[in-house]
N, C-alpha and C. Protein backbone atom coordinates (compact mmCIF):
# COMPACT_ATOMS: atom_id res chain seq x y z
N MET A 1 -49.72 -48.99 -6.21
CA MET A 1 -49.05 -47.78 -5.76
C MET A 1 -49.89 -46.55 -5.99
N ALA A 2 -50.49 -46.41 -7.14
CA ALA A 2 -51.26 -45.20 -7.45
C ALA A 2 -52.42 -45.00 -6.47
N ILE A 3 -53.08 -46.08 -6.10
CA ILE A 3 -54.20 -45.96 -5.17
C ILE A 3 -53.70 -45.52 -3.80
N ASN A 4 -52.62 -46.09 -3.34
CA ASN A 4 -52.05 -45.70 -2.05
C ASN A 4 -51.61 -44.24 -2.07
N PHE A 5 -51.00 -43.82 -3.17
CA PHE A 5 -50.55 -42.44 -3.32
C PHE A 5 -51.75 -41.49 -3.27
N ARG A 6 -52.81 -41.83 -4.00
CA ARG A 6 -54.01 -41.01 -4.01
C ARG A 6 -54.60 -40.92 -2.61
N ASN A 7 -54.72 -42.04 -1.93
CA ASN A 7 -55.27 -42.04 -0.58
C ASN A 7 -54.43 -41.21 0.38
N PHE A 8 -53.13 -41.31 0.24
CA PHE A 8 -52.22 -40.52 1.08
C PHE A 8 -52.47 -39.03 0.89
N ILE A 9 -52.56 -38.62 -0.35
CA ILE A 9 -52.75 -37.19 -0.66
C ILE A 9 -54.13 -36.72 -0.25
N VAL A 10 -55.16 -37.48 -0.59
CA VAL A 10 -56.52 -37.06 -0.32
C VAL A 10 -56.81 -36.97 1.18
N HIS A 11 -56.33 -37.92 1.93
CA HIS A 11 -56.69 -37.96 3.35
C HIS A 11 -55.70 -37.25 4.26
N ARG A 12 -54.57 -36.82 3.73
CA ARG A 12 -53.58 -36.15 4.58
C ARG A 12 -53.02 -34.89 3.94
N TYR A 13 -53.77 -34.33 3.01
CA TYR A 13 -53.25 -33.20 2.25
C TYR A 13 -52.81 -32.03 3.10
N GLU A 14 -53.46 -31.84 4.22
CA GLU A 14 -53.10 -30.68 5.05
C GLU A 14 -51.78 -30.88 5.78
N ARG A 15 -51.28 -32.13 5.79
CA ARG A 15 -50.04 -32.41 6.51
C ARG A 15 -48.94 -32.94 5.60
N VAL A 16 -49.12 -32.87 4.29
CA VAL A 16 -48.13 -33.43 3.38
C VAL A 16 -46.94 -32.48 3.27
N ASP A 17 -45.79 -32.99 3.54
CA ASP A 17 -44.55 -32.24 3.40
C ASP A 17 -44.17 -32.24 1.91
N ASP A 18 -43.89 -31.08 1.36
CA ASP A 18 -43.54 -30.97 -0.06
C ASP A 18 -42.39 -31.88 -0.44
N GLU A 19 -41.39 -31.97 0.41
CA GLU A 19 -40.23 -32.82 0.10
C GLU A 19 -40.62 -34.30 0.05
N VAL A 20 -41.52 -34.71 0.93
CA VAL A 20 -42.00 -36.09 0.92
C VAL A 20 -42.78 -36.36 -0.35
N LEU A 21 -43.63 -35.43 -0.73
CA LEU A 21 -44.42 -35.58 -1.95
C LEU A 21 -43.53 -35.68 -3.18
N VAL A 22 -42.56 -34.80 -3.31
CA VAL A 22 -41.65 -34.82 -4.44
C VAL A 22 -40.85 -36.12 -4.45
N GLY A 23 -40.41 -36.57 -3.30
CA GLY A 23 -39.68 -37.82 -3.21
C GLY A 23 -40.52 -39.00 -3.68
N MET A 24 -41.79 -39.04 -3.27
CA MET A 24 -42.67 -40.12 -3.69
C MET A 24 -42.87 -40.12 -5.20
N VAL A 25 -43.11 -38.94 -5.74
CA VAL A 25 -43.32 -38.84 -7.19
C VAL A 25 -42.06 -39.25 -7.94
N ASN A 26 -40.92 -38.77 -7.51
CA ASN A 26 -39.67 -39.11 -8.21
C ASN A 26 -39.35 -40.59 -8.13
N ARG A 27 -39.63 -41.22 -7.00
CA ARG A 27 -39.36 -42.66 -6.87
C ARG A 27 -40.28 -43.50 -7.73
N ARG A 28 -41.49 -43.01 -8.00
CA ARG A 28 -42.47 -43.79 -8.75
C ARG A 28 -42.85 -43.10 -10.06
N LEU A 29 -41.94 -42.34 -10.62
CA LEU A 29 -42.21 -41.61 -11.86
C LEU A 29 -42.66 -42.54 -12.97
N SER A 30 -42.16 -43.75 -13.00
CA SER A 30 -42.55 -44.69 -14.05
C SER A 30 -44.05 -45.00 -13.99
N ASP A 31 -44.65 -44.98 -12.80
CA ASP A 31 -46.09 -45.18 -12.68
C ASP A 31 -46.86 -44.08 -13.40
N PHE A 32 -46.41 -42.85 -13.22
CA PHE A 32 -47.07 -41.72 -13.87
C PHE A 32 -46.88 -41.76 -15.38
N GLU A 33 -45.69 -42.15 -15.81
CA GLU A 33 -45.43 -42.26 -17.24
C GLU A 33 -46.28 -43.36 -17.88
N LYS A 34 -46.45 -44.47 -17.19
CA LYS A 34 -47.29 -45.56 -17.68
C LYS A 34 -48.74 -45.10 -17.77
N PHE A 35 -49.21 -44.42 -16.74
CA PHE A 35 -50.57 -43.91 -16.73
C PHE A 35 -50.79 -42.96 -17.91
N ARG A 36 -49.85 -42.08 -18.13
CA ARG A 36 -49.93 -41.13 -19.25
C ARG A 36 -50.01 -41.87 -20.58
N SER A 37 -49.18 -42.86 -20.75
CA SER A 37 -49.17 -43.64 -21.99
C SER A 37 -50.50 -44.35 -22.21
N GLU A 38 -51.06 -44.89 -21.15
CA GLU A 38 -52.33 -45.58 -21.27
C GLU A 38 -53.47 -44.62 -21.63
N ILE A 39 -53.44 -43.44 -21.05
CA ILE A 39 -54.46 -42.42 -21.37
C ILE A 39 -54.33 -42.00 -22.82
N LEU A 40 -53.10 -41.72 -23.28
CA LEU A 40 -52.91 -41.31 -24.68
C LEU A 40 -53.32 -42.41 -25.64
N ALA A 41 -53.04 -43.66 -25.33
CA ALA A 41 -53.43 -44.77 -26.18
C ALA A 41 -54.95 -44.84 -26.28
N TYR A 42 -55.62 -44.64 -25.16
CA TYR A 42 -57.08 -44.66 -25.15
C TYR A 42 -57.66 -43.51 -25.99
N ILE A 43 -57.09 -42.35 -25.83
CA ILE A 43 -57.56 -41.18 -26.59
C ILE A 43 -57.35 -41.39 -28.10
N ASN A 44 -56.19 -41.87 -28.47
CA ASN A 44 -55.87 -42.05 -29.87
C ASN A 44 -56.67 -43.19 -30.51
N LYS A 45 -57.15 -44.09 -29.70
CA LYS A 45 -57.95 -45.22 -30.19
C LYS A 45 -59.33 -44.78 -30.67
N GLY A 46 -59.90 -43.82 -29.96
CA GLY A 46 -61.28 -43.41 -30.17
C GLY A 46 -61.44 -42.49 -31.30
């Protein structure tokens, strides 16, 4: 999901509807939370 989301934003940023973007983020919020947790775990490890 994250790769598809990134590709969508990067390649269509000039046409992204704010409501569509917010909807995508809200539907997949757990992906962002998981990513955040993984980054914090990595930082705290080092």
